[in-house]
Amino acid sequence: MSNIEYPYLVQLPKYIGSAIEEKRKKKKMTQKDLADITGTSVKFISNVERGKSTARLDKVLDLIRAVGLRVYLTDGDVEK
């Protein structure tokens, strides 16, 4: 498991998944625990944590909140 430093620039779905997985594990939560809290399935949690880009944004935001993360948008040019 990597140690993500915040603020954390998210450029791809897998970056969100990595942050959710790391925070979930730090809280000693299983994927099943997180699925129960958010009303989703273990398969959904697994797909998000692996960066599968077909995940529903509303449910991903539920996961982010459930593990104690926040999302901020900033104005700025896209880094290349």
Protein backbone atom coordinates (compact mmCIF):
# COMPACT_ATOMS: atom_id res chain seq x y z
CA MET A 1 0.00 0.00 0.00
CA SER A 2 1.34 3.41 -0.95
CA ASN A 3 1.29 6.41 1.33
CA ILE A 4 -0.66 9.07 -0.52
CA GLU A 5 0.23 12.64 0.37
CA TYR A 6 -2.56 15.20 0.36
CA PRO A 7 -3.56 17.33 -1.43
CA TYR A 8 -3.60 14.59 -4.05
CA LEU A 9 -3.99 15.46 -7.74
CA VAL A 10 -6.54 13.17 -9.38
CA GLN A 11 -6.07 12.80 -13.12
CA LEU A 12 -7.50 9.31 -13.72
CA PRO A 13 -10.19 7.14 -12.11
CA LYS A 14 -7.55 4.80 -10.69
CA TYR A 15 -6.17 7.67 -8.58
CA ILE A 16 -9.51 8.03 -6.80
CA GLY A 17 -9.65 4.27 -6.33
CA SER A 18 -6.18 4.20 -4.81
CA ALA A 19 -7.08 6.95 -2.34
CA ILE A 20 -10.31 5.19 -1.32
CA GLU A 21 -8.53 1.87 -0.88
CA GLU A 22 -5.72 3.36 1.20
CA LYS A 23 -8.09 5.28 3.47
CA ARG A 24 -10.39 2.25 3.84
CA LYS A 25 -7.48 0.06 4.90
CA LYS A 26 -6.19 2.69 7.35
CA LYS A 27 -9.64 2.62 8.97
CA LYS A 28 -9.39 -1.21 9.09
CA MET A 29 -12.52 -1.50 6.95
CA THR A 30 -13.09 -4.38 4.56
CA GLN A 31 -14.63 -3.88 1.16
CA LYS A 32 -17.74 -5.57 2.62
CA ASP A 33 -17.85 -3.02 5.47
CA LEU A 34 -17.67 -0.14 3.00
CA ALA A 35 -20.27 -1.74 0.73
CA ASP A 36 -22.66 -2.12 3.68
CA ILE A 37 -22.17 1.50 4.78
CA THR A 38 -22.72 2.90 1.29
CA GLY A 39 -25.41 0.53 0.05
CA THR A 40 -23.24 -0.78 -2.78
CA SER A 41 -21.69 -4.17 -3.53
CA VAL A 42 -18.21 -5.55 -2.88
CA LYS A 43 -17.82 -5.87 -6.66
CA PHE A 44 -18.55 -2.15 -7.04
CA ILE A 45 -15.96 -1.28 -4.36
CA SER A 46 -13.43 -3.53 -6.07
CA ASN A 47 -14.09 -1.93 -9.46
CA VAL A 48 -13.66 1.57 -8.05
CA GLU A 49 -10.47 0.67 -6.21
CA ARG A 50 -9.05 -0.85 -9.40
CA GLY A 51 -9.90 2.33 -11.32
CA LYS A 52 -12.60 0.93 -13.55
CA SER A 53 -13.98 3.99 -15.30
CA THR A 54 -17.58 2.77 -15.60
CA ALA A 55 -18.38 3.48 -11.95
CA ARG A 56 -21.30 5.78 -11.10
CA LEU A 57 -20.05 9.14 -9.86
CA ASP A 58 -22.76 9.52 -7.21
CA LYS A 59 -21.80 6.20 -5.66
CA VAL A 60 -18.09 7.02 -5.88
CA LEU A 61 -18.77 10.23 -3.96
CA ASP A 62 -20.60 8.15 -1.34
CA LEU A 63 -17.47 5.99 -0.97
CA ILE A 64 -15.24 9.05 -0.70
CA ARG A 65 -17.36 10.47 2.12
CA ALA A 66 -17.67 7.10 3.89
CA VAL A 67 -13.90 6.71 4.24
CA GLY A 68 -13.46 10.32 5.38
CA LEU A 69 -12.07 11.96 2.26
CA ARG A 70 -13.21 15.23 0.68
CA VAL A 71 -13.29 16.39 -2.93
CA TYR A 72 -12.29 19.91 -3.92
CA LEU A 73 -12.30 21.39 -7.38
CA THR A 74 -9.89 24.15 -8.26
CA ASP A 75 -9.58 26.46 -11.21
CA GLY A 76 -6.42 26.01 -13.20
CA ASP A 77 -4.84 24.75 -16.35
CA VAL A 78 -4.53 21.03 -16.93
CA GLU A 79 -1.03 19.79 -16.24
CA LYS A 80 0.57 17.83 -19.05
